[in-house]
Amino acid sequence: MKIIHPEPINAIIFDLGNVIIDLDIEATTIAFQNIYGLDYEENMAKLEAKQVFAKYETGHISTQTFLNELSAFDDAISFDEIKNAWNAMLLDIPEENYKILLNVKKSYKTFCLSNTNKLHIDFIYKQLKIDKGISNLDNYFEKVYLSHEMGKRKPNVDIFEELIKNHQLDPNTTVFIDDTADHLEGAKQAGLHTIHMTEELSLSSLFK
């Protein structure tokens, strides 16, 4: 199975959300709007100002601290409400993506590089156990890299450089696939080729 790309490629780095697993970001937005009501915008601005989301995504605060921060606006807000709202964006991995990833791995060095957090990845792995009887995505890649375990996140160039160095990749023959344009800029700074995964694209359309 070959990737549709103008340059010779021997390694591929995949984002997770909206590349491998489908996301509905709006579902989480709506869920938090329902929780916070008229204070939604103000509460979110306070959380952003404290960099709560960025800190959680890079593992610099614990899940407990994250839940404390998001529920602190009202004593009536439960941790379960926060968890459910936070995970509402996570949908399914299309069945064809499993097959594509296994086939691609036969011809390329493949990696997953995701900005994520412990609540999200625990939820995804729990669903994998239910749906596929597997504990994680390790068998589909040479290695899975998660921002909250690395202490850094995209689009910062150092997260790409760490992956490149760890596996002695040649950026000139490596492509990074992500749905977020800003993340592609960091990859380009590291010398990688990039593909922007838009709504018009899918893994099946990229690989023939």
C-alpha atoms as a PDB file:
ATOM      1  CA  MET A   1       0.000   0.000   0.000  1.00  0.00           C
ATOM      2  CA  LYS A   2       1.569   3.293  -1.131  1.00  0.00           C
ATOM      3  CA  ILE A   3       0.929   6.834  -0.015  1.00  0.00           C
ATOM      4  CA  ILE A   4      -0.137   9.370  -2.613  1.00  0.00           C
ATOM      5  CA  HIS A   5       2.683  11.911  -2.317  1.00  0.00           C
ATOM      6  CA  PRO A   6       4.960  13.562  -4.886  1.00  0.00           C
ATOM      7  CA  GLU A   7       8.178  12.802  -2.951  1.00  0.00           C
ATOM      8  CA  PRO A   8       9.719   9.405  -2.092  1.00  0.00           C
ATOM      9  CA  ILE A   9       8.589   8.550   1.459  1.00  0.00           C
ATOM     10  CA  ASN A  10       9.743   5.760   3.778  1.00  0.00           C
ATOM     11  CA  ALA A  11       8.358   6.941   7.146  1.00  0.00           C
ATOM     12  CA  ILE A  12       4.934   8.300   8.094  1.00  0.00           C
ATOM     13  CA  ILE A  13       3.877  10.097  11.285  1.00  0.00           C
ATOM     14  CA  PHE A  14       0.129  10.079  11.909  1.00  0.00           C
ATOM     15  CA  ASP A  15      -1.856  12.409  14.119  1.00  0.00           C
ATOM     16  CA  LEU A  16      -4.588  10.609  16.069  1.00  0.00           C
ATOM     17  CA  GLY A  17      -7.663  12.865  16.194  1.00  0.00           C
ATOM     18  CA  ASN A  18      -9.499  13.358  12.886  1.00  0.00           C
ATOM     19  CA  VAL A  19      -6.836  11.307  11.124  1.00  0.00           C
ATOM     20  CA  ILE A  20      -7.277   7.894  12.749  1.00  0.00           C
ATOM     21  CA  ILE A  21     -10.134   8.441  15.187  1.00  0.00           C
ATOM     22  CA  ASP A  22     -13.155  10.588  14.320  1.00  0.00           C
ATOM     23  CA  LEU A  23     -13.780  13.623  16.534  1.00  0.00           C
ATOM     24  CA  ASP A  24     -16.749  15.893  17.209  1.00  0.00           C
ATOM     25  CA  ILE A  25     -15.221  18.898  18.971  1.00  0.00           C
ATOM     26  CA  GLU A  26     -18.562  20.663  18.956  1.00  0.00           C
ATOM     27  CA  ALA A  27     -20.044  17.942  21.162  1.00  0.00           C
ATOM     28  CA  THR A  28     -17.623  18.862  23.959  1.00  0.00           C
ATOM     29  CA  THR A  29     -18.279  22.574  23.442  1.00  0.00           C
ATOM     30  CA  ILE A  30     -22.033  22.043  23.740  1.00  0.00           C
ATOM     31  CA  ALA A  31     -21.613  19.810  26.789  1.00  0.00           C
ATOM     32  CA  PHE A  32     -19.618  22.485  28.624  1.00  0.00           C
ATOM     33  CA  GLN A  33     -22.083  25.166  27.569  1.00  0.00           C
ATOM     34  CA  ASN A  34     -24.775  23.085  29.217  1.00  0.00           C
ATOM     35  CA  ILE A  35     -22.703  22.704  32.381  1.00  0.00           C
ATOM     36  CA  TYR A  36     -21.573  26.333  32.706  1.00  0.00           C
ATOM     37  CA  GLY A  37     -24.627  28.031  31.226  1.00  0.00           C
ATOM     38  CA  LEU A  38     -24.301  31.786  30.808  1.00  0.00           C
ATOM     39  CA  ASP A  39     -20.861  31.698  32.440  1.00  0.00           C
ATOM     40  CA  TYR A  40     -19.397  29.442  29.743  1.00  0.00           C
ATOM     41  CA  GLU A  41     -17.332  32.092  27.921  1.00  0.00           C
ATOM     42  CA  GLU A  42     -16.057  33.651  31.151  1.00  0.00           C
ATOM     43  CA  ASN A  43     -15.140  30.288  32.679  1.00  0.00           C
ATOM     44  CA  MET A  44     -13.328  29.143  29.561  1.00  0.00           C
ATOM     45  CA  ALA A  45     -11.393  32.403  29.388  1.00  0.00           C
ATOM     46  CA  LYS A  46     -10.268  31.910  33.010  1.00  0.00           C
ATOM     47  CA  LEU A  47      -9.162  28.340  32.301  1.00  0.00           C
ATOM     48  CA  GLU A  48      -7.264  29.427  29.188  1.00  0.00           C
ATOM     49  CA  ALA A  49      -5.591  32.258  31.098  1.00  0.00           C
ATOM     50  CA  LYS A  50      -4.324  29.713  33.644  1.00  0.00           C
ATOM     51  CA  GLN A  51      -3.242  27.444  30.750  1.00  0.00           C
ATOM     52  CA  VAL A  52      -5.166  24.573  32.305  1.00  0.00           C
ATOM     53  CA  PHE A  53      -5.754  22.778  29.007  1.00  0.00           C
ATOM     54  CA  ALA A  54      -2.179  23.223  27.795  1.00  0.00           C
ATOM     55  CA  LYS A  55      -0.776  22.044  31.126  1.00  0.00           C
ATOM     56  CA  TYR A  56      -2.992  18.973  31.148  1.00  0.00           C
ATOM     57  CA  GLU A  57      -2.137  18.136  27.549  1.00  0.00           C
ATOM     58  CA  THR A  58       1.581  18.215  28.385  1.00  0.00           C
ATOM     59  CA  GLY A  59       1.227  16.264  31.629  1.00  0.00           C
ATOM     60  CA  HIS A  60       2.198  19.213  33.809  1.00  0.00           C
ATOM     61  CA  ILE A  61      -0.931  18.892  35.928  1.00  0.00           C
ATOM     62  CA  SER A  62      -2.650  15.699  37.067  1.00  0.00           C
ATOM     63  CA  THR A  63      -6.120  14.528  36.091  1.00  0.00           C
ATOM     64  CA  GLN A  64      -7.287  15.331  39.616  1.00  0.00           C
ATOM     65  CA  THR A  65      -6.028  18.914  39.337  1.00  0.00           C
ATOM     66  CA  PHE A  66      -7.648  19.224  35.908  1.00  0.00           C
ATOM     67  CA  LEU A  67     -11.003  18.047  37.261  1.00  0.00           C
ATOM     68  CA  ASN A  68     -10.678  20.357  40.270  1.00  0.00           C
ATOM     69  CA  GLU A  69     -10.048  23.344  38.006  1.00  0.00           C
ATOM     70  CA  LEU A  70     -12.993  22.644  35.693  1.00  0.00           C
ATOM     71  CA  SER A  71     -15.439  21.943  38.493  1.00  0.00           C
ATOM     72  CA  ALA A  72     -14.334  24.794  40.786  1.00  0.00           C
ATOM     73  CA  PHE A  73     -16.840  27.302  39.374  1.00  0.00           C
ATOM     74  CA  ASP A  74     -19.829  25.641  41.041  1.00  0.00           C
ATOM     75  CA  ASP A  75     -19.996  23.103  43.871  1.00  0.00           C
ATOM     76  CA  ALA A  76     -22.883  21.401  42.070  1.00  0.00           C
ATOM     77  CA  ILE A  77     -20.656  20.392  39.143  1.00  0.00           C
ATOM     78  CA  SER A  78     -19.500  16.798  39.536  1.00  0.00           C
ATOM     79  CA  PHE A  79     -16.309  15.197  38.273  1.00  0.00           C
ATOM     80  CA  ASP A  80     -18.393  12.752  36.225  1.00  0.00           C
ATOM     81  CA  GLU A  81     -20.087  15.647  34.428  1.00  0.00           C
ATOM     82  CA  ILE A  82     -16.693  17.105  33.562  1.00  0.00           C
ATOM     83  CA  LYS A  83     -15.342  13.750  32.369  1.00  0.00           C
ATOM     84  CA  ASN A  84     -18.393  13.070  30.209  1.00  0.00           C
ATOM     85  CA  ALA A  85     -18.279  16.536  28.665  1.00  0.00           C
ATOM     86  CA  TRP A  86     -14.519  16.328  28.061  1.00  0.00           C
ATOM     87  CA  ASN A  87     -14.798  12.924  26.379  1.00  0.00           C
ATOM     88  CA  ALA A  88     -17.904  13.775  24.346  1.00  0.00           C
ATOM     89  CA  MET A  89     -15.737  14.725  21.355  1.00  0.00           C
ATOM     90  CA  LEU A  90     -14.307  11.201  21.028  1.00  0.00           C
ATOM     91  CA  LEU A  91     -16.077   9.087  18.422  1.00  0.00           C
ATOM     92  CA  ASP A  92     -15.018   5.835  16.766  1.00  0.00           C
ATOM     93  CA  ILE A  93     -12.045   4.617  14.773  1.00  0.00           C
ATOM     94  CA  PRO A  94     -13.483   3.614  11.372  1.00  0.00           C
ATOM     95  CA  GLU A  95     -13.007  -0.110  10.812  1.00  0.00           C
ATOM     96  CA  GLU A  96     -11.153   0.462   7.550  1.00  0.00           C
ATOM     97  CA  ASN A  97      -8.507   2.541   9.357  1.00  0.00           C
ATOM     98  CA  TYR A  98      -7.312  -0.484  11.349  1.00  0.00           C
ATOM     99  CA  LYS A  99      -6.730  -2.433   8.150  1.00  0.00           C
ATOM    100  CA  ILE A 100      -5.054   0.506   6.401  1.00  0.00           C
ATOM    101  CA  LEU A 101      -2.647   1.113   9.287  1.00  0.00           C
ATOM    102  CA  LEU A 102      -1.583  -2.533   9.394  1.00  0.00           C
ATOM    103  CA  ASN A 103      -1.025  -2.574   5.636  1.00  0.00           C
ATOM    104  CA  VAL A 104       0.882   0.721   5.654  1.00  0.00           C
ATOM    105  CA  LYS A 105       3.125  -0.568   8.440  1.00  0.00           C
ATOM    106  CA  LYS A 106       4.310  -3.341   6.094  1.00  0.00           C
ATOM    107  CA  SER A 107       5.834  -0.788   3.694  1.00  0.00           C
ATOM    108  CA  TYR A 108       6.783   2.165   5.916  1.00  0.00           C
ATOM    109  CA  LYS A 109       8.081   3.034   9.350  1.00  0.00           C
ATOM    110  CA  THR A 110       4.934   4.361  11.009  1.00  0.00           C
ATOM    111  CA  PHE A 111       4.391   6.426  14.149  1.00  0.00           C
ATOM    112  CA  CYS A 112       1.524   8.124  15.935  1.00  0.00           C
ATOM    113  CA  LEU A 113       2.094  11.598  17.406  1.00  0.00           C
ATOM    114  CA  SER A 114      -0.872  13.042  19.263  1.00  0.00           C
ATOM    115  CA  ASN A 115      -1.644  16.028  21.432  1.00  0.00           C
ATOM    116  CA  THR A 116      -3.779  14.294  24.026  1.00  0.00           C
ATOM    117  CA  ASN A 117      -4.292  13.774  27.739  1.00  0.00           C
ATOM    118  CA  LYS A 118      -4.828  10.944  30.184  1.00  0.00           C
ATOM    119  CA  LEU A 119      -8.625  11.176  30.304  1.00  0.00           C
ATOM    120  CA  HIS A 120      -8.883  11.039  26.522  1.00  0.00           C
ATOM    121  CA  ILE A 121      -6.401   8.255  25.966  1.00  0.00           C
ATOM    122  CA  ASP A 122      -7.882   6.167  28.797  1.00  0.00           C
ATOM    123  CA  PHE A 123     -11.315   6.560  27.202  1.00  0.00           C
ATOM    124  CA  ILE A 124      -9.982   5.588  23.765  1.00  0.00           C
ATOM    125  CA  TYR A 125      -8.142   2.548  25.121  1.00  0.00           C
ATOM    126  CA  LYS A 126     -11.227   1.450  27.072  1.00  0.00           C
ATOM    127  CA  GLN A 127     -13.248   1.543  23.847  1.00  0.00           C
ATOM    128  CA  LEU A 128     -10.501  -0.366  22.022  1.00  0.00           C
ATOM    129  CA  LYS A 129     -10.749  -3.096  24.642  1.00  0.00           C
ATOM    130  CA  ILE A 130     -14.523  -3.293  24.173  1.00  0.00           C
ATOM    131  CA  ASP A 131     -14.542  -3.039  20.370  1.00  0.00           C
ATOM    132  CA  LYS A 132     -11.354  -4.868  19.376  1.00  0.00           C
ATOM    133  CA  GLY A 133     -10.147  -6.729  22.442  1.00  0.00           C
ATOM    134  CA  ILE A 134      -6.849  -4.771  22.467  1.00  0.00           C
ATOM    135  CA  SER A 135      -5.377  -2.529  25.141  1.00  0.00           C
ATOM    136  CA  ASN A 136      -3.776   0.155  22.967  1.00  0.00           C
ATOM    137  CA  LEU A 137      -2.626   1.034  19.448  1.00  0.00           C
ATOM    138  CA  ASP A 138       0.955  -0.186  19.824  1.00  0.00           C
ATOM    139  CA  ASN A 139       0.627  -2.981  17.263  1.00  0.00           C
ATOM    140  CA  TYR A 140      -0.348  -0.491  14.555  1.00  0.00           C
ATOM    141  CA  PHE A 141       2.813   1.635  14.786  1.00  0.00           C
ATOM    142  CA  GLU A 142       6.497   1.338  15.486  1.00  0.00           C
ATOM    143  CA  LYS A 143       5.816   3.660  18.427  1.00  0.00           C
ATOM    144  CA  VAL A 144       2.985   5.830  19.754  1.00  0.00           C
ATOM    145  CA  TYR A 145       3.945   9.274  21.075  1.00  0.00           C
ATOM    146  CA  LEU A 146       1.502  11.146  23.349  1.00  0.00           C
ATOM    147  CA  SER A 147       2.006  14.755  24.374  1.00  0.00           C
ATOM    148  CA  HIS A 148       1.041  14.286  28.023  1.00  0.00           C
ATOM    149  CA  GLU A 149       3.695  11.584  28.367  1.00  0.00           C
ATOM    150  CA  MET A 150       6.364  13.592  26.518  1.00  0.00           C
ATOM    151  CA  GLY A 151       5.891  16.863  28.401  1.00  0.00           C
ATOM    152  CA  LYS A 152       5.618  18.796  25.137  1.00  0.00           C
ATOM    153  CA  ARG A 153       3.108  19.220  22.353  1.00  0.00           C
ATOM    154  CA  LYS A 154       2.589  20.191  18.741  1.00  0.00           C
ATOM    155  CA  PRO A 155       3.207  22.575  17.030  1.00  0.00           C
ATOM    156  CA  ASN A 156       6.464  23.109  18.955  1.00  0.00           C
ATOM    157  CA  VAL A 157       9.328  21.892  16.800  1.00  0.00           C
ATOM    158  CA  ASP A 158      11.033  20.031  19.668  1.00  0.00           C
ATOM    159  CA  ILE A 159       8.336  17.348  19.780  1.00  0.00           C
ATOM    160  CA  PHE A 160       9.038  16.486  16.143  1.00  0.00           C
ATOM    161  CA  GLU A 161      12.785  16.639  16.646  1.00  0.00           C
ATOM    162  CA  GLU A 162      12.566  14.173  19.536  1.00  0.00           C
ATOM    163  CA  LEU A 163      10.714  11.626  17.402  1.00  0.00           C
ATOM    164  CA  ILE A 164      13.109  12.127  14.483  1.00  0.00           C
ATOM    165  CA  LYS A 165      16.158  11.696  16.731  1.00  0.00           C
ATOM    166  CA  ASN A 166      14.783   8.667  18.568  1.00  0.00           C
ATOM    167  CA  HIS A 167      14.306   6.741  15.340  1.00  0.00           C
ATOM    168  CA  GLN A 168      17.070   8.310  13.243  1.00  0.00           C
ATOM    169  CA  LEU A 169      14.554   9.386  10.611  1.00  0.00           C
ATOM    170  CA  ASP A 170      15.442  11.376   7.530  1.00  0.00           C
ATOM    171  CA  PRO A 171      12.991  14.319   7.450  1.00  0.00           C
ATOM    172  CA  ASN A 172      13.368  14.452   3.656  1.00  0.00           C
ATOM    173  CA  THR A 173      11.739  11.031   3.366  1.00  0.00           C
ATOM    174  CA  THR A 174       9.242  11.390   6.240  1.00  0.00           C
ATOM    175  CA  VAL A 175       5.716  12.783   6.006  1.00  0.00           C
ATOM    176  CA  PHE A 176       3.518  14.035   8.852  1.00  0.00           C
ATOM    177  CA  ILE A 177      -0.287  13.845   8.521  1.00  0.00           C
ATOM    178  CA  ASP A 178      -2.414  16.122  10.729  1.00  0.00           C
ATOM    179  CA  ASP A 179      -5.799  17.855  10.566  1.00  0.00           C
ATOM    180  CA  THR A 180      -4.548  21.054  12.261  1.00  0.00           C
ATOM    181  CA  ALA A 181      -2.742  23.535  10.011  1.00  0.00           C
ATOM    182  CA  ASP A 182      -0.713  25.055  12.887  1.00  0.00           C
ATOM    183  CA  HIS A 183       0.732  21.651  13.740  1.00  0.00           C
ATOM    184  CA  LEU A 184       1.962  21.254  10.181  1.00  0.00           C
ATOM    185  CA  GLU A 185       4.021  24.426  10.533  1.00  0.00           C
ATOM    186  CA  GLY A 186       5.995  22.937  13.409  1.00  0.00           C
ATOM    187  CA  ALA A 187       6.580  19.792  11.380  1.00  0.00           C
ATOM    188  CA  LYS A 188       7.826  21.836   8.433  1.00  0.00           C
ATOM    189  CA  GLN A 189      10.290  23.624  10.718  1.00  0.00           C
ATOM    190  CA  ALA A 190      11.665  20.191  11.595  1.00  0.00           C
ATOM    191  CA  GLY A 191      12.129  19.512   7.878  1.00  0.00           C
ATOM    192  CA  LEU A 192       9.239  17.079   7.481  1.00  0.00           C
ATOM    193  CA  HIS A 193       6.913  16.806   4.512  1.00  0.00           C
ATOM    194  CA  THR A 194       3.300  17.390   5.533  1.00  0.00           C
ATOM    195  CA  ILE A 195      -0.226  16.502   4.501  1.00  0.00           C
ATOM    196  CA  HIS A 196      -3.195  18.490   5.785  1.00  0.00           C
ATOM    197  CA  MET A 197      -5.995  16.043   6.555  1.00  0.00           C
ATOM    198  CA  THR A 198      -9.080  18.035   5.545  1.00  0.00           C
ATOM    199  CA  GLU A 199     -12.676  16.835   5.588  1.00  0.00           C
ATOM    200  CA  GLU A 200     -12.294  15.894   1.926  1.00  0.00           C
ATOM    201  CA  LEU A 201      -9.504  13.412   2.717  1.00  0.00           C
ATOM    202  CA  SER A 202      -9.378  10.070   4.514  1.00  0.00           C
ATOM    203  CA  LEU A 203      -6.742   7.411   5.061  1.00  0.00           C
ATOM    204  CA  SER A 204      -8.303   5.358   2.283  1.00  0.00           C
ATOM    205  CA  SER A 205      -7.972   8.270  -0.146  1.00  0.00           C
ATOM    206  CA  LEU A 206      -4.310   8.820   0.792  1.00  0.00           C
ATOM    207  CA  PHE A 207      -3.232   5.217   0.437  1.00  0.00           C
ATOM    208  CA  LYS A 208      -3.751   3.054  -2.633  1.00  0.00           C
END
